[in-house]
Amino acid sequence: MLPRYMNEDEREIAERLRREALAQTPEYSPLLHQRMMNYVRTVSARSAHSMDGGRPGLPRMRISAVSAAAALILLSLLVWSGWFGGRQSPVVVGPKAPPLPDVKIFEQTAADAYAQLQAKLAEGQLAYLDQDARRLANFVLDTTRVLPVK
C-alpha cells in the first residue's frame, strides 16, 4: 500500500523498486542454513580449543598472570608492614578541645525560632483584616454626614 501523498511518477518508481528488490532476494534454503551453522560451530570450537591449550578452563597464560599478580601484592604488603610496622607514630599533645554545649540550649533556640515564625505567619494572615477595617471606616466616614461636636 503506497501513501496517498505520492504522485503518479513517485508511485511508479516505488513499485519498480519493490519488484526489483523482490526479484533479487533469494529464497530461504534450509540446507544452506545448516551448512553455515555447522561452519560457525566448527570455527568457534577450534578457536576455544587453541586458546586453552587443548583443555577446558582458563588458559595457562591467564592463570600464571593472576598468580604472579597475587604474589607481587603479597610481597609488597609484607615489605610495607616490615618497614612501617616497627615504627610508632608520634603523639601530638596539645590543648584539649572545648566541651560541646548542652543540647538543651539548641532545643530551646529551635523552639523560640519556631514560635517566632508562627507569630509572623499569624500576623501575615491578620494583615488583611486591618486593611479591610480601615477601608470600612473610610467608607462609613465618606458616606455618612458627621455632625460637629459642640
N, C-alpha and C. Protein backbone atom coordinates (compact mmCIF):
# COMPACT_ATOMS: atom_id res chain seq x y z
N MET A 1 0.85 -1.16 0.00
CA MET A 1 0.00 0.00 0.00
C MET A 1 0.90 1.23 0.00
N LEU A 2 0.76 2.05 -1.01
CA LEU A 2 1.58 3.25 -1.15
C LEU A 2 0.87 4.43 -0.51
N PRO A 3 1.62 5.38 0.00
CA PRO A 3 1.00 6.56 0.62
C PRO A 3 0.21 7.39 -0.40
N ARG A 4 -0.80 8.09 0.07
CA ARG A 4 -1.68 8.87 -0.79
C ARG A 4 -1.00 10.13 -1.31
N TYR A 5 -0.03 10.64 -0.55
CA TYR A 5 0.59 11.90 -0.95
C TYR A 5 1.54 11.75 -2.12
N MET A 6 1.86 10.53 -2.56
CA MET A 6 2.77 10.33 -3.69
C MET A 6 2.02 10.61 -5.00
N ASN A 7 2.72 11.28 -5.89
CA ASN A 7 2.10 11.49 -7.20
C ASN A 7 2.32 10.24 -8.06
N GLU A 8 1.85 10.27 -9.27
CA GLU A 8 1.86 9.08 -10.14
C GLU A 8 3.28 8.63 -10.46
N ASP A 9 4.19 9.57 -10.73
CA ASP A 9 5.58 9.20 -11.06
C ASP A 9 6.27 8.53 -9.87
N GLU A 10 6.05 9.09 -8.66
CA GLU A 10 6.68 8.52 -7.48
C GLU A 10 6.14 7.12 -7.19
N ARG A 11 4.86 6.91 -7.42
CA ARG A 11 4.27 5.58 -7.21
C ARG A 11 4.84 4.56 -8.19
N GLU A 12 5.04 4.98 -9.41
CA GLU A 12 5.59 4.07 -10.42
C GLU A 12 7.03 3.68 -10.05
N ILE A 13 7.81 4.66 -9.61
CA ILE A 13 9.20 4.38 -9.21
C ILE A 13 9.22 3.45 -8.00
N ALA A 14 8.34 3.69 -7.02
CA ALA A 14 8.29 2.86 -5.82
C ALA A 14 7.92 1.42 -6.16
N GLU A 15 6.98 1.24 -7.07
CA GLU A 15 6.58 -0.11 -7.49
C GLU A 15 7.72 -0.83 -8.20
N ARG A 16 8.43 -0.11 -9.08
CA ARG A 16 9.56 -0.73 -9.78
C ARG A 16 10.66 -1.15 -8.81
N LEU A 17 10.95 -0.28 -7.84
CA LEU A 17 11.97 -0.62 -6.84
C LEU A 17 11.55 -1.83 -6.01
N ARG A 18 10.29 -1.91 -5.64
CA ARG A 18 9.81 -3.05 -4.86
C ARG A 18 9.91 -4.35 -5.66
N ARG A 19 9.56 -4.30 -6.95
CA ARG A 19 9.65 -5.51 -7.78
C ARG A 19 11.09 -5.97 -7.94
N GLU A 20 12.02 -5.01 -8.13
CA GLU A 20 13.43 -5.37 -8.28
C GLU A 20 13.99 -5.96 -7.00
N ALA A 21 13.59 -5.41 -5.87
CA ALA A 21 14.08 -5.93 -4.59
C ALA A 21 13.58 -7.35 -4.36
N LEU A 22 12.33 -7.61 -4.71
CA LEU A 22 11.79 -8.96 -4.53
C LEU A 22 12.43 -9.95 -5.50
N ALA A 23 12.79 -9.48 -6.68
CA ALA A 23 13.40 -10.37 -7.67
C ALA A 23 14.81 -10.76 -7.26
N GLN A 24 15.54 -9.89 -6.53
CA GLN A 24 16.92 -10.19 -6.17
C GLN A 24 17.03 -10.92 -4.84
N THR A 25 15.95 -11.05 -4.09
CA THR A 25 16.01 -11.73 -2.80
C THR A 25 15.95 -13.24 -3.02
N PRO A 26 16.99 -13.99 -2.56
CA PRO A 26 16.95 -15.45 -2.75
C PRO A 26 15.97 -16.09 -1.78
N GLU A 27 15.50 -17.25 -2.14
CA GLU A 27 14.59 -17.97 -1.27
C GLU A 27 15.38 -18.59 -0.13
N TYR A 28 14.69 -18.86 0.97
CA TYR A 28 15.32 -19.46 2.14
C TYR A 28 15.67 -20.91 1.84
N SER A 29 16.92 -21.26 2.17
CA SER A 29 17.39 -22.62 1.92
C SER A 29 17.79 -23.25 3.25
N PRO A 30 17.06 -24.25 3.73
CA PRO A 30 17.42 -24.90 4.98
C PRO A 30 18.79 -25.59 4.91
N LEU A 31 19.13 -26.12 3.75
CA LEU A 31 20.42 -26.79 3.60
C LEU A 31 21.57 -25.79 3.75
N LEU A 32 21.44 -24.63 3.10
CA LEU A 32 22.47 -23.60 3.22
C LEU A 32 22.58 -23.10 4.66
N HIS A 33 21.45 -22.93 5.31
CA HIS A 33 21.46 -22.50 6.70
C HIS A 33 22.18 -23.52 7.59
N GLN A 34 21.91 -24.79 7.39
CA GLN A 34 22.55 -25.84 8.19
C GLN A 34 24.06 -25.85 7.97
N ARG A 35 24.50 -25.68 6.71
CA ARG A 35 25.93 -25.66 6.42
C ARG A 35 26.62 -24.48 7.10
N MET A 36 25.98 -23.32 7.08
CA MET A 36 26.57 -22.14 7.70
C MET A 36 26.65 -22.30 9.22
N MET A 37 25.64 -22.86 9.84
CA MET A 37 25.65 -23.05 11.29
C MET A 37 26.73 -24.07 11.69
N ASN A 38 26.92 -25.12 10.90
CA ASN A 38 27.98 -26.10 11.19
C ASN A 38 29.35 -25.45 11.10
N TYR A 39 29.55 -24.58 10.12
CA TYR A 39 30.83 -23.89 9.97
C TYR A 39 31.10 -22.98 11.18
N VAL A 40 30.06 -22.24 11.61
CA VAL A 40 30.22 -21.35 12.76
C VAL A 40 30.58 -22.15 14.01
N ARG A 41 29.92 -23.28 14.24
CA ARG A 41 30.23 -24.11 15.40
C ARG A 41 31.65 -24.65 15.33
N THR A 42 32.08 -25.07 14.15
CA THR A 42 33.43 -25.62 14.00
C THR A 42 34.49 -24.56 14.28
N VAL A 43 34.30 -23.36 13.73
CA VAL A 43 35.29 -22.30 13.92
C VAL A 43 35.33 -21.87 15.39
N SER A 44 34.18 -21.74 16.05
CA SER A 44 34.19 -21.32 17.45
C SER A 44 34.80 -22.39 18.34
N ALA A 45 34.55 -23.66 18.06
CA ALA A 45 35.16 -24.73 18.85
C ALA A 45 36.68 -24.78 18.63
N ARG A 46 37.12 -24.55 17.40
CA ARG A 46 38.56 -24.58 17.10
C ARG A 46 39.28 -23.42 17.79
N SER A 47 38.65 -22.23 17.81
CA SER A 47 39.31 -21.09 18.45
C SER A 47 39.34 -21.25 19.97
N ALA A 48 38.32 -21.83 20.57
CA ALA A 48 38.32 -22.06 22.01
C ALA A 48 39.35 -23.12 22.37
N HIS A 49 39.52 -24.13 21.52
CA HIS A 49 40.47 -25.21 21.77
C HIS A 49 41.91 -24.70 21.69
N SER A 50 42.17 -23.78 20.77
CA SER A 50 43.53 -23.28 20.61
C SER A 50 43.91 -22.30 21.72
N MET A 51 42.96 -21.62 22.33
CA MET A 51 43.27 -20.65 23.37
C MET A 51 43.69 -21.32 24.67
N ASP A 52 43.05 -22.43 25.04
CA ASP A 52 43.33 -23.03 26.33
C ASP A 52 44.30 -24.20 26.27
N GLY A 53 44.97 -24.39 25.17
CA GLY A 53 45.95 -25.45 25.06
C GLY A 53 45.34 -26.84 24.99
N GLY A 54 44.13 -26.96 24.54
CA GLY A 54 43.51 -28.26 24.37
C GLY A 54 42.72 -28.70 25.59
N ARG A 55 42.72 -27.94 26.67
CA ARG A 55 41.96 -28.32 27.85
C ARG A 55 40.88 -27.30 28.12
N PRO A 56 39.76 -27.73 28.66
CA PRO A 56 38.74 -26.75 29.05
C PRO A 56 39.18 -25.99 30.29
N GLY A 57 38.70 -24.78 30.45
CA GLY A 57 39.05 -23.97 31.61
C GLY A 57 39.79 -22.72 31.19
N LEU A 58 40.45 -22.09 32.15
CA LEU A 58 41.20 -20.88 31.85
C LEU A 58 42.49 -21.20 31.11
N PRO A 59 42.92 -20.33 30.22
CA PRO A 59 44.20 -20.55 29.54
C PRO A 59 45.35 -20.45 30.54
N ARG A 60 46.46 -21.11 30.20
CA ARG A 60 47.62 -21.15 31.09
C ARG A 60 48.19 -19.76 31.34
N MET A 61 48.21 -18.92 30.31
CA MET A 61 48.78 -17.58 30.47
C MET A 61 47.98 -16.75 31.47
N ARG A 62 46.65 -16.89 31.47
CA ARG A 62 45.83 -16.12 32.39
C ARG A 62 46.06 -16.57 33.82
N ILE A 63 46.16 -17.88 34.03
CA ILE A 63 46.37 -18.40 35.38
C ILE A 63 47.72 -17.94 35.92
N SER A 64 48.75 -18.01 35.10
CA SER A 64 50.06 -17.60 35.58
C SER A 64 50.12 -16.09 35.82
N ALA A 65 49.44 -15.30 35.04
CA ALA A 65 49.43 -13.85 35.25
C ALA A 65 48.70 -13.50 36.53
N VAL A 66 47.61 -14.17 36.82
CA VAL A 66 46.86 -13.90 38.04
C VAL A 66 47.68 -14.31 39.26
N SER A 67 48.35 -15.46 39.19
CA SER A 67 49.15 -15.90 40.34
C SER A 67 50.36 -14.98 40.54
N ALA A 68 50.96 -14.49 39.47
CA ALA A 68 52.09 -13.57 39.60
C ALA A 68 51.64 -12.25 40.23
N ALA A 69 50.48 -11.76 39.84
CA ALA A 69 49.96 -10.52 40.41
C ALA A 69 49.66 -10.69 41.90
N ALA A 70 49.09 -11.83 42.28
CA ALA A 70 48.79 -12.09 43.68
C ALA A 70 50.07 -12.17 44.50
N ALA A 71 51.11 -12.82 43.97
CA ALA A 71 52.38 -12.93 44.67
C ALA A 71 53.02 -11.56 44.83
N LEU A 72 52.95 -10.72 43.84
CA LEU A 72 53.52 -9.38 43.91
C LEU A 72 52.81 -8.54 44.97
N ILE A 73 51.50 -8.63 45.03
CA ILE A 73 50.73 -7.89 46.03
C ILE A 73 51.09 -8.38 47.43
N LEU A 74 51.19 -9.68 47.62
CA LEU A 74 51.54 -10.23 48.92
C LEU A 74 52.93 -9.78 49.36
N LEU A 75 53.87 -9.81 48.43
CA LEU A 75 55.23 -9.39 48.75
C LEU A 75 55.27 -7.90 49.12
N SER A 76 54.55 -7.09 48.39
CA SER A 76 54.55 -5.65 48.71
C SER A 76 53.91 -5.39 50.07
N LEU A 77 52.87 -6.14 50.44
CA LEU A 77 52.27 -5.98 51.76
C LEU A 77 53.24 -6.38 52.86
N LEU A 78 53.98 -7.45 52.65
CA LEU A 78 54.97 -7.87 53.64
C LEU A 78 56.06 -6.82 53.82
N VAL A 79 56.56 -6.26 52.74
CA VAL A 79 57.59 -5.22 52.82
C VAL A 79 57.03 -3.99 53.52
N TRP A 80 55.84 -3.60 53.19
CA TRP A 80 55.21 -2.42 53.79
C TRP A 80 55.04 -2.61 55.30
N SER A 81 54.54 -3.77 55.70
CA SER A 81 54.34 -3.99 57.14
C SER A 81 55.67 -4.08 57.87
N GLY A 82 56.72 -4.63 57.25
CA GLY A 82 58.03 -4.68 57.88
C GLY A 82 58.66 -3.31 58.00
N TRP A 83 58.45 -2.48 57.05
CA TRP A 83 59.05 -1.14 57.04
C TRP A 83 58.37 -0.22 58.05
N PHE A 84 57.03 -0.21 58.03
CA PHE A 84 56.30 0.71 58.89
C PHE A 84 55.77 0.04 60.15
N GLY A 85 55.88 -1.27 60.28
CA GLY A 85 55.32 -1.97 61.44
C GLY A 85 56.10 -1.70 62.72
N GLY A 86 57.42 -1.54 62.66
CA GLY A 86 58.23 -1.34 63.85
C GLY A 86 58.21 0.09 64.34
N ARG A 87 57.82 1.02 63.53
CA ARG A 87 57.83 2.43 63.92
C ARG A 87 56.53 2.79 64.63
N GLN A 88 56.67 3.71 65.55
CA GLN A 88 55.48 4.22 66.22
C GLN A 88 55.23 5.63 65.74
N SER A 89 53.98 5.94 65.57
CA SER A 89 53.66 7.28 65.10
C SER A 89 53.82 8.26 66.24
N PRO A 90 54.27 9.47 65.97
CA PRO A 90 54.46 10.45 67.04
C PRO A 90 53.11 10.88 67.61
N VAL A 91 53.10 11.08 68.92
CA VAL A 91 51.88 11.50 69.60
C VAL A 91 51.94 13.01 69.77
N VAL A 92 50.94 13.70 69.30
CA VAL A 92 50.89 15.15 69.41
C VAL A 92 50.06 15.50 70.63
N VAL A 93 50.69 16.21 71.56
CA VAL A 93 50.00 16.62 72.77
C VAL A 93 49.70 18.10 72.65
N GLY A 94 48.47 18.44 72.81
CA GLY A 94 48.09 19.83 72.68
C GLY A 94 46.95 20.16 73.62
N PRO A 95 46.41 21.34 73.49
CA PRO A 95 45.30 21.71 74.37
C PRO A 95 44.07 20.87 74.05
N LYS A 96 43.28 20.66 75.07
CA LYS A 96 42.05 19.88 74.89
C LYS A 96 41.02 20.73 74.15
N ALA A 97 40.19 20.06 73.44
CA ALA A 97 39.12 20.75 72.73
C ALA A 97 38.08 21.22 73.74
N PRO A 98 37.46 22.35 73.48
CA PRO A 98 36.44 22.83 74.43
C PRO A 98 35.26 21.86 74.44
N PRO A 99 34.59 21.76 75.58
CA PRO A 99 33.45 20.84 75.64
C PRO A 99 32.30 21.34 74.77
N LEU A 100 31.54 20.41 74.30
CA LEU A 100 30.39 20.75 73.46
C LEU A 100 29.29 21.36 74.31
N PRO A 101 28.56 22.33 73.77
CA PRO A 101 27.47 22.93 74.54
C PRO A 101 26.35 21.92 74.76
N ASP A 102 25.54 22.22 75.75
CA ASP A 102 24.45 21.32 76.09
C ASP A 102 23.41 21.32 74.98
N VAL A 103 22.82 20.17 74.76
CA VAL A 103 21.85 20.02 73.67
C VAL A 103 20.56 20.77 73.99
N LYS A 104 20.25 20.97 75.26
CA LYS A 104 19.01 21.65 75.63
C LYS A 104 19.00 23.10 75.15
N ILE A 105 20.18 23.70 75.06
CA ILE A 105 20.26 25.08 74.56
C ILE A 105 19.76 25.13 73.12
N PHE A 106 20.20 24.17 72.32
CA PHE A 106 19.77 24.14 70.91
C PHE A 106 18.29 23.85 70.79
N GLU A 107 17.77 22.98 71.66
CA GLU A 107 16.34 22.69 71.61
C GLU A 107 15.52 23.95 71.93
N GLN A 108 15.96 24.71 72.94
CA GLN A 108 15.24 25.94 73.32
C GLN A 108 15.32 26.97 72.21
N THR A 109 16.50 27.09 71.58
CA THR A 109 16.66 28.04 70.48
C THR A 109 15.76 27.67 69.31
N ALA A 110 15.70 26.39 69.01
CA ALA A 110 14.83 25.95 67.91
C ALA A 110 13.37 26.20 68.24
N ALA A 111 12.97 25.98 69.49
CA ALA A 111 11.58 26.22 69.89
C ALA A 111 11.25 27.70 69.79
N ASP A 112 12.18 28.57 70.22
CA ASP A 112 11.95 30.02 70.12
C ASP A 112 11.82 30.46 68.66
N ALA A 113 12.69 29.95 67.81
CA ALA A 113 12.63 30.31 66.39
C ALA A 113 11.32 29.85 65.78
N TYR A 114 10.84 28.66 66.17
CA TYR A 114 9.57 28.16 65.64
C TYR A 114 8.41 29.04 66.10
N ALA A 115 8.44 29.45 67.38
CA ALA A 115 7.38 30.31 67.90
C ALA A 115 7.37 31.66 67.17
N GLN A 116 8.55 32.22 66.92
CA GLN A 116 8.63 33.49 66.20
C GLN A 116 8.08 33.35 64.78
N LEU A 117 8.40 32.25 64.15
CA LEU A 117 7.91 32.02 62.79
C LEU A 117 6.39 31.89 62.78
N GLN A 118 5.83 31.19 63.75
CA GLN A 118 4.37 31.04 63.81
C GLN A 118 3.71 32.41 64.03
N ALA A 119 4.33 33.25 64.88
CA ALA A 119 3.77 34.58 65.14
C ALA A 119 3.78 35.43 63.87
N LYS A 120 4.87 35.38 63.11
CA LYS A 120 4.95 36.14 61.86
C LYS A 120 3.89 35.68 60.87
N LEU A 121 3.69 34.36 60.79
CA LEU A 121 2.67 33.85 59.87
C LEU A 121 1.27 34.30 60.30
N ALA A 122 1.02 34.30 61.59
CA ALA A 122 -0.29 34.73 62.08
C ALA A 122 -0.51 36.22 61.79
N GLU A 123 0.54 37.04 61.95
CA GLU A 123 0.43 38.47 61.63
C GLU A 123 0.13 38.66 60.15
N GLY A 124 0.76 37.86 59.32
CA GLY A 124 0.52 37.98 57.88
C GLY A 124 -0.91 37.64 57.52
N GLN A 125 -1.50 36.69 58.23
CA GLN A 125 -2.88 36.31 57.94
C GLN A 125 -3.86 37.39 58.41
N LEU A 126 -3.52 38.09 59.50
CA LEU A 126 -4.41 39.12 60.03
C LEU A 126 -4.19 40.48 59.39
N ALA A 127 -3.19 40.64 58.56
CA ALA A 127 -2.91 41.94 57.95
C ALA A 127 -4.05 42.38 57.05
N TYR A 128 -4.71 41.46 56.39
CA TYR A 128 -5.83 41.82 55.52
C TYR A 128 -7.01 42.33 56.34
N LEU A 129 -7.17 41.82 57.55
CA LEU A 129 -8.27 42.32 58.39
C LEU A 129 -8.06 43.79 58.72
N ASP A 130 -6.83 44.20 59.00
CA ASP A 130 -6.56 45.61 59.29
C ASP A 130 -6.88 46.47 58.08
N GLN A 131 -6.50 46.01 56.89
CA GLN A 131 -6.80 46.79 55.68
C GLN A 131 -8.30 46.88 55.46
N ASP A 132 -9.00 45.78 55.66
CA ASP A 132 -10.45 45.79 55.47
C ASP A 132 -11.14 46.71 56.47
N ALA A 133 -10.67 46.71 57.73
CA ALA A 133 -11.27 47.60 58.74
C ALA A 133 -11.01 49.06 58.39
N ARG A 134 -9.83 49.38 57.91
CA ARG A 134 -9.51 50.75 57.52
C ARG A 134 -10.39 51.19 56.35
N ARG A 135 -10.56 50.31 55.37
CA ARG A 135 -11.41 50.64 54.22
C ARG A 135 -12.87 50.86 54.65
N LEU A 136 -13.34 49.99 55.59
CA LEU A 136 -14.73 50.13 56.06
C LEU A 136 -14.92 51.45 56.81
N ALA A 137 -13.94 51.81 57.61
CA ALA A 137 -14.03 53.07 58.35
C ALA A 137 -14.05 54.26 57.39
N ASN A 138 -13.19 54.23 56.38
CA ASN A 138 -13.17 55.31 55.38
C ASN A 138 -14.49 55.37 54.62
N PHE A 139 -15.06 54.21 54.30
CA PHE A 139 -16.33 54.17 53.57
C PHE A 139 -17.44 54.77 54.41
N VAL A 140 -17.47 54.39 55.70
CA VAL A 140 -18.52 54.91 56.58
C VAL A 140 -18.38 56.42 56.73
N LEU A 141 -17.17 56.92 56.90
CA LEU A 141 -16.96 58.37 57.03
C LEU A 141 -17.32 59.11 55.75
N ASP A 142 -17.04 58.51 54.60
CA ASP A 142 -17.35 59.18 53.33
C ASP A 142 -18.84 59.18 53.05
N THR A 143 -19.56 58.16 53.45
CA THR A 143 -20.98 58.05 53.09
C THR A 143 -21.91 58.68 54.12
N THR A 144 -21.48 58.90 55.31
CA THR A 144 -22.36 59.50 56.32
C THR A 144 -21.90 60.91 56.63
N ARG A 145 -22.85 61.68 57.08
CA ARG A 145 -22.51 63.04 57.48
C ARG A 145 -22.09 63.03 58.95
N VAL A 146 -21.04 63.70 59.20
CA VAL A 146 -20.56 63.78 60.56
C VAL A 146 -21.04 65.11 61.14
N LEU A 147 -21.69 65.01 62.26
CA LEU A 147 -22.19 66.21 62.92
C LEU A 147 -21.06 66.81 63.76
N PRO A 148 -20.98 68.11 63.73
CA PRO A 148 -19.93 68.73 64.55
C PRO A 148 -20.24 68.53 66.05
N VAL A 149 -19.21 68.30 66.78
CA VAL A 149 -19.34 68.10 68.23
C VAL A 149 -19.29 69.47 68.91
N LYS A 150 -20.28 69.74 69.81
CA LYS A 150 -20.32 71.04 70.50
C LYS A 150 -19.82 70.93 71.88
